Amino acid sequence: MQTINLAADCDQAFMDAVARESGQDLKSCYQCGNCTAGCAYSQDYDIPVHQIMRLVQLGQKERVLSCRSIWLCATCQACTTRCPNNIEVATVMDVLRHMARRAGKAPERLVKSFTDGFLASVARHGRVFEAGLAAVFALKSGKPLQDAGLGPAMLTRGKLAFLPHQPGGRGKEEVAEIFARFENRTDAAPAKKTGEDAQ
């Protein structure tokens, strides 16, 4: 068990930044554990989801941004769905990943490589180009032939294309606008979704 010195280790600016960037009221988390109970990856996490939320409340920036759990989160929204206080926990986890990247902390190298490759593919093509992503990730992982045997079966089922799909209409431009907004974002908290906006 690790003892936390709140007087010395509490980073109020970190707490405020997570709340601002996620748009969530983190103080309303009372550690019920529903998020952890509903998480399919809890057995692989070094810190369970509810404990990550508590560490954020305690301003434990180094511990949170250095943990592997935020990189293993699949953003499946099970935690968000189960939260009795309507905290978008998956959004908080996503914000923590962005913060960790900005701070140069990414212990899960391959997970980060996959995430970076996925986002780069979407930014370039308007949607993910699976074959290109698979090739880039295979090279970065150092195991270029690991999944090569899956290729023929996917091709015969029409699940893998040699060329990127071109989104119709303004799809590619709209995706590019999303990336541009993210790159040029301000520190202002994003507007919380209303019931009408979420539909």
N, C-alpha and C. Protein backbone atom coordinates (compact mmCIF):
# COMPACT_ATOMS: atom_id res chain seq x y z
N MET A 1 0.85 -1.19 0.00
CA MET A 1 0.00 0.00 0.00
C MET A 1 0.89 1.25 0.00
N GLN A 2 0.53 2.20 -0.82
CA GLN A 2 1.32 3.43 -0.90
C GLN A 2 0.59 4.55 -0.16
N THR A 3 1.34 5.25 0.68
CA THR A 3 0.78 6.37 1.42
C THR A 3 0.89 7.64 0.59
N ILE A 4 -0.19 8.41 0.56
CA ILE A 4 -0.21 9.66 -0.21
C ILE A 4 -0.13 10.84 0.74
N ASN A 5 0.86 11.68 0.54
CA ASN A 5 1.02 12.88 1.34
C ASN A 5 0.26 14.00 0.64
N LEU A 6 -0.95 14.26 1.09
CA LEU A 6 -1.81 15.24 0.42
C LEU A 6 -1.23 16.65 0.50
N ALA A 7 -0.54 16.95 1.56
CA ALA A 7 0.01 18.30 1.71
C ALA A 7 1.11 18.55 0.68
N ALA A 8 1.89 17.50 0.37
CA ALA A 8 3.03 17.69 -0.52
C ALA A 8 2.73 17.31 -1.97
N ASP A 9 1.85 16.31 -2.17
CA ASP A 9 1.68 15.74 -3.50
C ASP A 9 0.44 16.21 -4.25
N CYS A 10 -0.43 16.95 -3.60
CA CYS A 10 -1.69 17.34 -4.24
C CYS A 10 -1.45 18.45 -5.26
N ASP A 11 -1.81 18.17 -6.50
CA ASP A 11 -1.64 19.14 -7.60
C ASP A 11 -3.02 19.67 -7.98
N GLN A 12 -3.39 20.79 -7.39
CA GLN A 12 -4.71 21.38 -7.64
C GLN A 12 -4.88 21.77 -9.10
N ALA A 13 -3.81 22.24 -9.73
CA ALA A 13 -3.88 22.64 -11.13
C ALA A 13 -4.22 21.46 -12.02
N PHE A 14 -3.71 20.27 -11.67
CA PHE A 14 -4.01 19.05 -12.43
C PHE A 14 -5.49 18.71 -12.31
N MET A 15 -6.01 18.74 -11.09
CA MET A 15 -7.43 18.47 -10.87
C MET A 15 -8.30 19.41 -11.70
N ASP A 16 -7.97 20.69 -11.63
CA ASP A 16 -8.75 21.69 -12.36
C ASP A 16 -8.66 21.48 -13.86
N ALA A 17 -7.48 21.10 -14.35
CA ALA A 17 -7.30 20.89 -15.79
C ALA A 17 -8.11 19.71 -16.28
N VAL A 18 -8.12 18.61 -15.52
CA VAL A 18 -8.90 17.44 -15.91
C VAL A 18 -10.39 17.78 -15.93
N ALA A 19 -10.86 18.49 -14.91
CA ALA A 19 -12.27 18.88 -14.86
C ALA A 19 -12.63 19.79 -16.03
N ARG A 20 -11.74 20.74 -16.33
CA ARG A 20 -12.00 21.70 -17.41
C ARG A 20 -12.01 21.00 -18.78
N GLU A 21 -11.00 20.18 -19.03
CA GLU A 21 -10.90 19.55 -20.35
C GLU A 21 -11.96 18.48 -20.58
N SER A 22 -12.38 17.82 -19.50
CA SER A 22 -13.41 16.77 -19.65
C SER A 22 -14.82 17.32 -19.56
N GLY A 23 -14.95 18.51 -18.93
CA GLY A 23 -16.28 19.08 -18.74
C GLY A 23 -17.09 18.34 -17.69
N GLN A 24 -16.41 17.62 -16.79
CA GLN A 24 -17.10 16.80 -15.79
C GLN A 24 -16.91 17.37 -14.39
N ASP A 25 -17.93 17.13 -13.55
CA ASP A 25 -17.85 17.52 -12.14
C ASP A 25 -17.22 16.37 -11.37
N LEU A 26 -15.90 16.37 -11.29
CA LEU A 26 -15.19 15.25 -10.69
C LEU A 26 -15.45 15.11 -9.20
N LYS A 27 -15.83 16.21 -8.55
CA LYS A 27 -16.09 16.16 -7.10
C LYS A 27 -17.30 15.30 -6.78
N SER A 28 -18.17 15.06 -7.76
CA SER A 28 -19.38 14.29 -7.48
C SER A 28 -19.13 12.78 -7.45
N CYS A 29 -17.92 12.35 -7.79
CA CYS A 29 -17.59 10.91 -7.70
C CYS A 29 -17.41 10.55 -6.24
N TYR A 30 -18.18 9.57 -5.75
CA TYR A 30 -18.05 9.16 -4.35
C TYR A 30 -17.58 7.71 -4.21
N GLN A 31 -16.89 7.21 -5.23
CA GLN A 31 -16.20 5.92 -5.15
C GLN A 31 -17.15 4.74 -4.92
N CYS A 32 -18.24 4.70 -5.65
CA CYS A 32 -19.17 3.58 -5.51
C CYS A 32 -18.61 2.31 -6.13
N GLY A 33 -17.70 2.45 -7.10
CA GLY A 33 -17.07 1.29 -7.72
C GLY A 33 -17.81 0.71 -8.91
N ASN A 34 -18.92 1.35 -9.32
CA ASN A 34 -19.67 0.82 -10.47
C ASN A 34 -18.85 0.84 -11.75
N CYS A 35 -18.01 1.85 -11.91
CA CYS A 35 -17.21 1.93 -13.13
C CYS A 35 -16.24 0.75 -13.22
N THR A 36 -15.61 0.43 -12.10
CA THR A 36 -14.68 -0.70 -12.08
C THR A 36 -15.42 -2.02 -12.27
N ALA A 37 -16.59 -2.14 -11.65
CA ALA A 37 -17.35 -3.39 -11.76
C ALA A 37 -17.79 -3.65 -13.20
N GLY A 38 -18.03 -2.58 -13.95
CA GLY A 38 -18.51 -2.74 -15.32
C GLY A 38 -17.40 -2.78 -16.36
N CYS A 39 -16.15 -2.59 -15.93
CA CYS A 39 -15.03 -2.52 -16.88
C CYS A 39 -14.55 -3.91 -17.27
N ALA A 40 -14.51 -4.17 -18.58
CA ALA A 40 -14.10 -5.48 -19.07
C ALA A 40 -12.60 -5.71 -18.95
N TYR A 41 -11.84 -4.64 -18.70
CA TYR A 41 -10.38 -4.76 -18.67
C TYR A 41 -9.79 -4.59 -17.27
N SER A 42 -10.63 -4.55 -16.25
CA SER A 42 -10.14 -4.29 -14.89
C SER A 42 -9.02 -5.23 -14.48
N GLN A 43 -9.11 -6.49 -14.92
CA GLN A 43 -8.09 -7.47 -14.51
C GLN A 43 -6.71 -7.14 -15.09
N ASP A 44 -6.68 -6.31 -16.14
CA ASP A 44 -5.41 -5.96 -16.76
C ASP A 44 -4.88 -4.60 -16.30
N TYR A 45 -5.71 -3.84 -15.58
CA TYR A 45 -5.32 -2.50 -15.14
C TYR A 45 -4.37 -2.58 -13.94
N ASP A 46 -3.42 -1.66 -13.89
CA ASP A 46 -2.61 -1.56 -12.68
C ASP A 46 -3.33 -0.73 -11.62
N ILE A 47 -4.22 0.17 -12.06
CA ILE A 47 -5.05 0.95 -11.13
C ILE A 47 -6.49 0.88 -11.64
N PRO A 48 -7.44 0.36 -10.84
CA PRO A 48 -8.83 0.28 -11.28
C PRO A 48 -9.41 1.68 -11.56
N VAL A 49 -10.46 1.71 -12.36
CA VAL A 49 -11.03 2.98 -12.80
C VAL A 49 -11.45 3.86 -11.63
N HIS A 50 -12.15 3.31 -10.65
CA HIS A 50 -12.63 4.15 -9.54
C HIS A 50 -11.45 4.73 -8.76
N GLN A 51 -10.35 3.99 -8.68
CA GLN A 51 -9.17 4.52 -7.99
C GLN A 51 -8.49 5.61 -8.80
N ILE A 52 -8.54 5.49 -10.13
CA ILE A 52 -8.01 6.57 -10.97
C ILE A 52 -8.81 7.84 -10.72
N MET A 53 -10.13 7.71 -10.66
CA MET A 53 -10.97 8.88 -10.38
C MET A 53 -10.62 9.50 -9.02
N ARG A 54 -10.36 8.65 -8.03
CA ARG A 54 -10.01 9.16 -6.70
C ARG A 54 -8.64 9.83 -6.72
N LEU A 55 -7.69 9.25 -7.44
CA LEU A 55 -6.36 9.85 -7.53
C LEU A 55 -6.41 11.20 -8.24
N VAL A 56 -7.30 11.32 -9.21
CA VAL A 56 -7.47 12.63 -9.86
C VAL A 56 -8.02 13.63 -8.86
N GLN A 57 -9.01 13.20 -8.06
CA GLN A 57 -9.56 14.08 -7.03
C GLN A 57 -8.49 14.52 -6.03
N LEU A 58 -7.51 13.67 -5.81
CA LEU A 58 -6.44 13.96 -4.85
C LEU A 58 -5.26 14.67 -5.50
N GLY A 59 -5.37 14.96 -6.79
CA GLY A 59 -4.32 15.69 -7.48
C GLY A 59 -3.03 14.91 -7.69
N GLN A 60 -3.14 13.60 -7.82
CA GLN A 60 -1.96 12.74 -7.98
C GLN A 60 -1.56 12.63 -9.46
N LYS A 61 -1.07 13.72 -9.99
CA LYS A 61 -0.77 13.80 -11.43
C LYS A 61 0.21 12.74 -11.90
N GLU A 62 1.33 12.59 -11.22
CA GLU A 62 2.36 11.65 -11.67
C GLU A 62 1.86 10.22 -11.69
N ARG A 63 1.18 9.81 -10.63
CA ARG A 63 0.67 8.43 -10.57
C ARG A 63 -0.35 8.17 -11.65
N VAL A 64 -1.24 9.12 -11.89
CA VAL A 64 -2.30 8.92 -12.88
C VAL A 64 -1.75 8.89 -14.29
N LEU A 65 -0.91 9.87 -14.63
CA LEU A 65 -0.43 9.96 -16.01
C LEU A 65 0.62 8.91 -16.33
N SER A 66 1.17 8.26 -15.31
CA SER A 66 2.18 7.23 -15.55
C SER A 66 1.60 5.82 -15.52
N CYS A 67 0.33 5.67 -15.19
CA CYS A 67 -0.25 4.33 -15.09
C CYS A 67 -0.55 3.76 -16.47
N ARG A 68 -0.63 2.45 -16.55
CA ARG A 68 -0.90 1.80 -17.84
C ARG A 68 -2.41 1.72 -18.11
N SER A 69 -3.22 1.86 -17.08
CA SER A 69 -4.67 1.68 -17.23
C SER A 69 -5.29 2.62 -18.26
N ILE A 70 -4.85 3.88 -18.26
CA ILE A 70 -5.48 4.84 -19.18
C ILE A 70 -5.22 4.46 -20.63
N TRP A 71 -4.13 3.71 -20.89
CA TRP A 71 -3.82 3.30 -22.26
C TRP A 71 -4.55 2.03 -22.65
N LEU A 72 -5.02 1.27 -21.68
CA LEU A 72 -5.73 0.03 -21.97
C LEU A 72 -7.24 0.25 -22.07
N CYS A 73 -7.71 1.40 -21.63
CA CYS A 73 -9.15 1.72 -21.70
C CYS A 73 -9.62 1.69 -23.14
N ALA A 74 -10.69 0.95 -23.40
CA ALA A 74 -11.24 0.81 -24.76
C ALA A 74 -12.31 1.86 -25.06
N THR A 75 -12.60 2.74 -24.11
CA THR A 75 -13.64 3.77 -24.27
C THR A 75 -14.96 3.13 -24.69
N CYS A 76 -15.30 2.02 -24.05
CA CYS A 76 -16.54 1.30 -24.41
C CYS A 76 -17.78 1.95 -23.79
N GLN A 77 -17.57 2.89 -22.86
CA GLN A 77 -18.64 3.65 -22.20
C GLN A 77 -19.39 2.88 -21.11
N ALA A 78 -18.93 1.66 -20.77
CA ALA A 78 -19.60 0.91 -19.70
C ALA A 78 -19.54 1.67 -18.39
N CYS A 79 -18.39 2.29 -18.10
CA CYS A 79 -18.24 3.05 -16.86
C CYS A 79 -19.17 4.26 -16.84
N THR A 80 -19.25 4.94 -17.97
CA THR A 80 -20.12 6.11 -18.08
C THR A 80 -21.58 5.72 -17.88
N THR A 81 -21.98 4.62 -18.50
CA THR A 81 -23.36 4.15 -18.41
C THR A 81 -23.75 3.79 -16.99
N ARG A 82 -22.80 3.25 -16.22
CA ARG A 82 -23.10 2.77 -14.87
C ARG A 82 -22.98 3.85 -13.80
N CYS A 83 -22.41 5.00 -14.14
CA CYS A 83 -22.17 6.02 -13.11
C CYS A 83 -23.48 6.61 -12.60
N PRO A 84 -23.75 6.52 -11.29
CA PRO A 84 -25.01 7.06 -10.74
C PRO A 84 -25.07 8.59 -10.75
N ASN A 85 -23.92 9.24 -10.89
CA ASN A 85 -23.88 10.70 -10.91
C ASN A 85 -23.66 11.27 -12.31
N ASN A 86 -23.84 10.39 -13.31
CA ASN A 86 -23.76 10.82 -14.72
C ASN A 86 -22.43 11.46 -15.09
N ILE A 87 -21.34 10.98 -14.48
CA ILE A 87 -20.01 11.42 -14.87
C ILE A 87 -19.60 10.65 -16.11
N GLU A 88 -19.13 11.34 -17.10
CA GLU A 88 -18.65 10.67 -18.31
C GLU A 88 -17.21 10.20 -18.05
N VAL A 89 -17.12 9.07 -17.36
CA VAL A 89 -15.83 8.54 -16.92
C VAL A 89 -14.94 8.24 -18.12
N ALA A 90 -15.51 7.71 -19.19
CA ALA A 90 -14.72 7.40 -20.39
C ALA A 90 -14.10 8.66 -20.97
N THR A 91 -14.81 9.78 -20.87
CA THR A 91 -14.26 11.05 -21.35
C THR A 91 -13.08 11.47 -20.48
N VAL A 92 -13.19 11.26 -19.17
CA VAL A 92 -12.09 11.57 -18.27
C VAL A 92 -10.86 10.74 -18.63
N MET A 93 -11.06 9.45 -18.90
CA MET A 93 -9.94 8.58 -19.28
C MET A 93 -9.30 9.06 -20.57
N ASP A 94 -10.12 9.51 -21.51
CA ASP A 94 -9.60 10.02 -22.78
C ASP A 94 -8.76 11.28 -22.56
N VAL A 95 -9.27 12.17 -21.71
CA VAL A 95 -8.53 13.39 -21.39
C VAL A 95 -7.19 13.05 -20.73
N LEU A 96 -7.19 12.06 -19.86
CA LEU A 96 -5.94 11.66 -19.20
C LEU A 96 -4.93 11.12 -20.20
N ARG A 97 -5.41 10.40 -21.22
CA ARG A 97 -4.49 9.93 -22.27
C ARG A 97 -3.85 11.11 -23.00
N HIS A 98 -4.67 12.11 -23.34
CA HIS A 98 -4.14 13.30 -24.02
C HIS A 98 -3.12 14.02 -23.14
N MET A 99 -3.43 14.12 -21.85
CA MET A 99 -2.50 14.77 -20.93
C MET A 99 -1.19 13.99 -20.84
N ALA A 100 -1.30 12.67 -20.78
CA ALA A 100 -0.10 11.83 -20.69
C ALA A 100 0.77 11.99 -21.93
N ARG A 101 0.13 12.08 -23.08
CA ARG A 101 0.88 12.27 -24.33
C ARG A 101 1.60 13.61 -24.32
N ARG A 102 0.89 14.65 -23.88
CA ARG A 102 1.52 15.97 -23.84
C ARG A 102 2.68 16.02 -22.85
N ALA A 103 2.57 15.21 -21.78
CA ALA A 103 3.61 15.18 -20.75
C ALA A 103 4.73 14.20 -21.10
N GLY A 104 4.59 13.52 -22.23
CA GLY A 104 5.62 12.55 -22.65
C GLY A 104 5.60 11.28 -21.84
N LYS A 105 4.43 10.92 -21.28
CA LYS A 105 4.32 9.70 -20.48
C LYS A 105 3.39 8.72 -21.19
N ALA A 106 3.98 7.67 -21.73
CA ALA A 106 3.19 6.67 -22.43
C ALA A 106 3.83 5.30 -22.22
N PRO A 107 3.56 4.67 -21.07
CA PRO A 107 4.22 3.40 -20.76
C PRO A 107 3.85 2.26 -21.70
N GLU A 108 2.66 2.32 -22.28
CA GLU A 108 2.24 1.27 -23.20
C GLU A 108 2.63 1.68 -24.62
N ARG A 109 3.87 1.40 -25.00
CA ARG A 109 4.40 1.88 -26.28
C ARG A 109 3.56 1.41 -27.47
N LEU A 110 3.19 0.13 -27.49
CA LEU A 110 2.46 -0.38 -28.64
C LEU A 110 1.03 0.16 -28.69
N VAL A 111 0.42 0.35 -27.52
CA VAL A 111 -0.93 0.93 -27.50
C VAL A 111 -0.87 2.36 -28.02
N LYS A 112 0.14 3.11 -27.60
CA LYS A 112 0.29 4.47 -28.09
C LYS A 112 0.57 4.48 -29.59
N SER A 113 1.40 3.54 -30.06
CA SER A 113 1.70 3.45 -31.49
C SER A 113 0.44 3.18 -32.30
N PHE A 114 -0.39 2.27 -31.78
CA PHE A 114 -1.64 1.97 -32.49
C PHE A 114 -2.56 3.18 -32.50
N THR A 115 -2.69 3.85 -31.34
CA THR A 115 -3.55 5.03 -31.24
C THR A 115 -3.07 6.13 -32.19
N ASP A 116 -1.76 6.37 -32.19
CA ASP A 116 -1.21 7.40 -33.08
C ASP A 116 -1.45 7.05 -34.54
N GLY A 117 -1.24 5.78 -34.90
CA GLY A 117 -1.45 5.35 -36.28
C GLY A 117 -2.90 5.45 -36.70
N PHE A 118 -3.80 5.08 -35.78
CA PHE A 118 -5.24 5.15 -36.07
C PHE A 118 -5.66 6.59 -36.34
N LEU A 119 -5.26 7.50 -35.44
CA LEU A 119 -5.65 8.90 -35.60
C LEU A 119 -5.03 9.52 -36.85
N ALA A 120 -3.78 9.15 -37.16
CA ALA A 120 -3.14 9.68 -38.36
C ALA A 120 -3.85 9.20 -39.61
N SER A 121 -4.31 7.95 -39.59
CA SER A 121 -5.03 7.40 -40.73
C SER A 121 -6.36 8.11 -40.94
N VAL A 122 -7.09 8.33 -39.84
CA VAL A 122 -8.38 9.03 -39.95
C VAL A 122 -8.17 10.47 -40.41
N ALA A 123 -7.13 11.13 -39.88
CA ALA A 123 -6.86 12.51 -40.27
C ALA A 123 -6.52 12.60 -41.76
N ARG A 124 -5.82 11.61 -42.27
CA ARG A 124 -5.39 11.66 -43.68
C ARG A 124 -6.48 11.25 -44.65
N HIS A 125 -7.26 10.23 -44.28
CA HIS A 125 -8.22 9.65 -45.23
C HIS A 125 -9.68 9.96 -44.93
N GLY A 126 -9.96 10.54 -43.78
CA GLY A 126 -11.36 10.80 -43.43
C GLY A 126 -11.99 9.65 -42.68
N ARG A 127 -11.37 8.51 -42.70
CA ARG A 127 -11.75 7.33 -41.93
C ARG A 127 -10.54 6.42 -41.89
N VAL A 128 -10.57 5.40 -41.06
CA VAL A 128 -9.38 4.56 -40.93
C VAL A 128 -9.17 3.69 -42.17
N PHE A 129 -7.92 3.62 -42.62
CA PHE A 129 -7.52 2.73 -43.71
C PHE A 129 -6.89 1.51 -43.06
N GLU A 130 -7.69 0.44 -42.92
CA GLU A 130 -7.30 -0.72 -42.12
C GLU A 130 -5.99 -1.36 -42.57
N ALA A 131 -5.85 -1.58 -43.88
CA ALA A 131 -4.64 -2.25 -44.38
C ALA A 131 -3.39 -1.41 -44.08
N GLY A 132 -3.50 -0.11 -44.29
CA GLY A 132 -2.36 0.77 -44.02
C GLY A 132 -2.03 0.81 -42.54
N LEU A 133 -3.07 0.88 -41.70
CA LEU A 133 -2.85 0.90 -40.25
C LEU A 133 -2.19 -0.40 -39.80
N ALA A 134 -2.69 -1.54 -40.32
CA ALA A 134 -2.13 -2.84 -39.93
C ALA A 134 -0.66 -2.94 -40.32
N ALA A 135 -0.33 -2.44 -41.51
CA ALA A 135 1.05 -2.51 -41.99
C ALA A 135 1.97 -1.64 -41.13
N VAL A 136 1.53 -0.42 -40.85
CA VAL A 136 2.35 0.48 -40.04
C VAL A 136 2.54 -0.09 -38.64
N PHE A 137 1.46 -0.59 -38.04
CA PHE A 137 1.56 -1.12 -36.68
C PHE A 137 2.44 -2.37 -36.64
N ALA A 138 2.33 -3.22 -37.67
CA ALA A 138 3.16 -4.44 -37.71
C ALA A 138 4.64 -4.08 -37.72
N LEU A 139 5.00 -3.04 -38.48
CA LEU A 139 6.40 -2.62 -38.54
C LEU A 139 6.86 -2.03 -37.21
N LYS A 140 6.00 -1.19 -36.60
CA LYS A 140 6.38 -0.56 -35.34
C LYS A 140 6.46 -1.56 -34.20
N SER A 141 5.67 -2.62 -34.27
CA SER A 141 5.67 -3.62 -33.20
C SER A 141 6.89 -4.53 -33.28
N GLY A 142 7.58 -4.51 -34.42
CA GLY A 142 8.73 -5.38 -34.59
C GLY A 142 8.35 -6.80 -34.96
N LYS A 143 7.05 -7.02 -35.26
CA LYS A 143 6.58 -8.35 -35.65
C LYS A 143 5.77 -8.21 -36.94
N PRO A 144 6.45 -7.92 -38.06
CA PRO A 144 5.74 -7.61 -39.30
C PRO A 144 4.90 -8.74 -39.87
N LEU A 145 5.18 -9.98 -39.52
CA LEU A 145 4.44 -11.11 -40.10
C LEU A 145 3.48 -11.76 -39.10
N GLN A 146 3.35 -11.16 -37.93
CA GLN A 146 2.56 -11.80 -36.87
C GLN A 146 1.13 -12.12 -37.31
N ASP A 147 0.46 -11.19 -37.97
CA ASP A 147 -0.94 -11.38 -38.37
C ASP A 147 -1.10 -11.56 -39.87
N ALA A 148 -0.01 -11.85 -40.56
CA ALA A 148 -0.07 -11.97 -42.02
C ALA A 148 -1.04 -13.06 -42.46
N GLY A 149 -1.18 -14.11 -41.68
CA GLY A 149 -2.07 -15.21 -42.06
C GLY A 149 -3.54 -14.83 -42.10
N LEU A 150 -3.89 -13.70 -41.45
CA LEU A 150 -5.30 -13.28 -41.45
C LEU A 150 -5.69 -12.57 -42.75
N GLY A 151 -4.68 -12.06 -43.48
CA GLY A 151 -4.95 -11.28 -44.68
C GLY A 151 -5.80 -11.97 -45.73
N PRO A 152 -5.44 -13.19 -46.18
CA PRO A 152 -6.22 -13.85 -47.24
C PRO A 152 -7.69 -14.05 -46.87
N ALA A 153 -7.95 -14.50 -45.64
CA ALA A 153 -9.34 -14.72 -45.21
C ALA A 153 -10.12 -13.41 -45.20
N MET A 154 -9.49 -12.32 -44.77
CA MET A 154 -10.18 -11.03 -44.74
C MET A 154 -10.43 -10.52 -46.15
N LEU A 155 -9.49 -10.75 -47.04
CA LEU A 155 -9.66 -10.32 -48.43
C LEU A 155 -10.82 -11.05 -49.11
N THR A 156 -10.90 -12.35 -48.91
CA THR A 156 -11.96 -13.13 -49.56
C THR A 156 -13.34 -12.76 -49.04
N ARG A 157 -13.40 -12.23 -47.81
CA ARG A 157 -14.68 -11.82 -47.24
C ARG A 157 -14.97 -10.34 -47.47
N GLY A 158 -14.10 -9.68 -48.22
CA GLY A 158 -14.31 -8.27 -48.50
C GLY A 158 -14.11 -7.37 -47.29
N LYS A 159 -13.32 -7.82 -46.31
CA LYS A 159 -13.11 -7.06 -45.09
C LYS A 159 -11.83 -6.24 -45.11
N LEU A 160 -11.07 -6.34 -46.20
CA LEU A 160 -9.80 -5.64 -46.27
C LEU A 160 -9.62 -5.08 -47.67
N ALA A 161 -9.33 -3.80 -47.75
CA ALA A 161 -9.16 -3.15 -49.05
C ALA A 161 -7.71 -2.71 -49.21
N PHE A 162 -7.21 -2.76 -50.45
CA PHE A 162 -5.83 -2.34 -50.71
C PHE A 162 -5.70 -0.83 -50.79
N LEU A 163 -6.82 -0.15 -51.07
CA LEU A 163 -6.79 1.30 -51.19
C LEU A 163 -7.72 1.92 -50.15
N PRO A 164 -7.41 3.13 -49.68
CA PRO A 164 -8.29 3.79 -48.70
C PRO A 164 -9.67 4.06 -49.27
N HIS A 165 -10.68 3.90 -48.42
CA HIS A 165 -12.04 4.25 -48.80
C HIS A 165 -12.17 5.77 -48.84
N GLN A 166 -12.87 6.28 -49.82
CA GLN A 166 -13.07 7.72 -49.92
C GLN A 166 -14.46 8.08 -49.41
N PRO A 167 -14.56 8.78 -48.30
CA PRO A 167 -15.89 9.16 -47.77
C PRO A 167 -16.64 10.02 -48.78
N GLY A 168 -17.93 9.82 -48.85
CA GLY A 168 -18.74 10.60 -49.78
C GLY A 168 -19.04 12.00 -49.26
N GLY A 169 -19.51 12.86 -50.14
CA GLY A 169 -19.89 14.22 -49.76
C GLY A 169 -18.73 14.98 -49.15
N ARG A 170 -19.01 15.66 -48.04
CA ARG A 170 -17.98 16.46 -47.37
C ARG A 170 -17.34 15.70 -46.21
N GLY A 171 -17.51 14.37 -46.22
CA GLY A 171 -17.03 13.58 -45.09
C GLY A 171 -15.58 13.84 -44.72
N LYS A 172 -14.70 13.81 -45.71
CA LYS A 172 -13.28 13.98 -45.43
C LYS A 172 -12.99 15.38 -44.90
N GLU A 173 -13.65 16.38 -45.48
CA GLU A 173 -13.45 17.76 -45.03
C GLU A 173 -13.97 17.96 -43.61
N GLU A 174 -15.11 17.33 -43.30
CA GLU A 174 -15.68 17.46 -41.96
C GLU A 174 -14.77 16.84 -40.91
N VAL A 175 -14.18 15.68 -41.24
CA VAL A 175 -13.25 15.05 -40.31
C VAL A 175 -12.02 15.94 -40.13
N ALA A 176 -11.54 16.52 -41.23
CA ALA A 176 -10.38 17.42 -41.16
C ALA A 176 -10.69 18.62 -40.27
N GLU A 177 -11.94 19.11 -40.32
CA GLU A 177 -12.33 20.24 -39.47
C GLU A 177 -12.31 19.85 -37.99
N ILE A 178 -12.68 18.61 -37.69
CA ILE A 178 -12.66 18.13 -36.31
C ILE A 178 -11.22 18.13 -35.78
N PHE A 179 -10.31 17.61 -36.60
CA PHE A 179 -8.90 17.58 -36.19
C PHE A 179 -8.36 19.00 -36.04
N ALA A 180 -8.76 19.90 -36.94
CA ALA A 180 -8.29 21.28 -36.86
C ALA A 180 -8.80 21.95 -35.59
N ARG A 181 -10.06 21.70 -35.23
CA ARG A 181 -10.62 22.27 -34.00
C ARG A 181 -9.86 21.76 -32.79
N PHE A 182 -9.50 20.47 -32.80
CA PHE A 182 -8.76 19.92 -31.67
C PHE A 182 -7.38 20.56 -31.57
N GLU A 183 -6.70 20.69 -32.70
CA GLU A 183 -5.36 21.28 -32.69
C GLU A 183 -5.39 22.74 -32.23
N ASN A 184 -6.49 23.44 -32.52
CA ASN A 184 -6.58 24.87 -32.20
C ASN A 184 -7.46 25.14 -30.99
N ARG A 185 -7.73 24.07 -30.20
CA ARG A 185 -8.67 24.22 -29.08
C ARG A 185 -8.11 25.20 -28.06
N THR A 186 -9.03 25.80 -27.29
CA THR A 186 -8.62 26.69 -26.21
C THR A 186 -8.73 25.91 -24.91
N ASP A 187 -8.40 26.55 -23.82
CA ASP A 187 -8.51 25.89 -22.52
C ASP A 187 -9.92 25.94 -21.97
N ALA A 188 -10.83 26.53 -22.73
CA ALA A 188 -12.21 26.61 -22.25
C ALA A 188 -12.82 25.23 -22.19
N ALA A 189 -13.63 24.99 -21.19
CA ALA A 189 -14.28 23.69 -21.04
C ALA A 189 -15.26 23.48 -22.18
N PRO A 190 -15.30 22.24 -22.75
CA PRO A 190 -16.26 21.97 -23.79
C PRO A 190 -17.67 22.00 -23.24
N ALA A 191 -18.62 22.41 -24.06
CA ALA A 191 -20.00 22.48 -23.61
C ALA A 191 -20.52 21.10 -23.30
N LYS A 192 -21.18 20.93 -22.18
CA LYS A 192 -21.74 19.64 -21.83
C LYS A 192 -22.93 19.36 -22.72
N LYS A 193 -23.09 18.09 -23.12
CA LYS A 193 -24.20 17.72 -23.99
C LYS A 193 -25.51 17.77 -23.23
N THR A 194 -26.50 18.34 -23.84
CA THR A 194 -27.83 18.29 -23.27
C THR A 194 -28.50 17.05 -23.82
N GLY A 195 -29.65 16.72 -23.28
CA GLY A 195 -30.38 15.55 -23.78
C GLY A 195 -30.69 15.67 -25.26
N GLU A 196 -31.00 16.90 -25.70
CA GLU A 196 -31.34 17.13 -27.10
C GLU A 196 -30.11 17.02 -27.99
N ASP A 197 -28.93 17.54 -27.50
CA ASP A 197 -27.70 17.50 -28.28
C ASP A 197 -27.18 16.09 -28.45
N ALA A 198 -27.42 15.26 -27.42
CA ALA A 198 -26.84 13.92 -27.43
C ALA A 198 -27.54 13.01 -28.43
N GLN A 199 -28.70 13.40 -28.94
CA GLN A 199 -29.45 12.53 -29.84
C GLN A 199 -29.03 12.75 -31.28
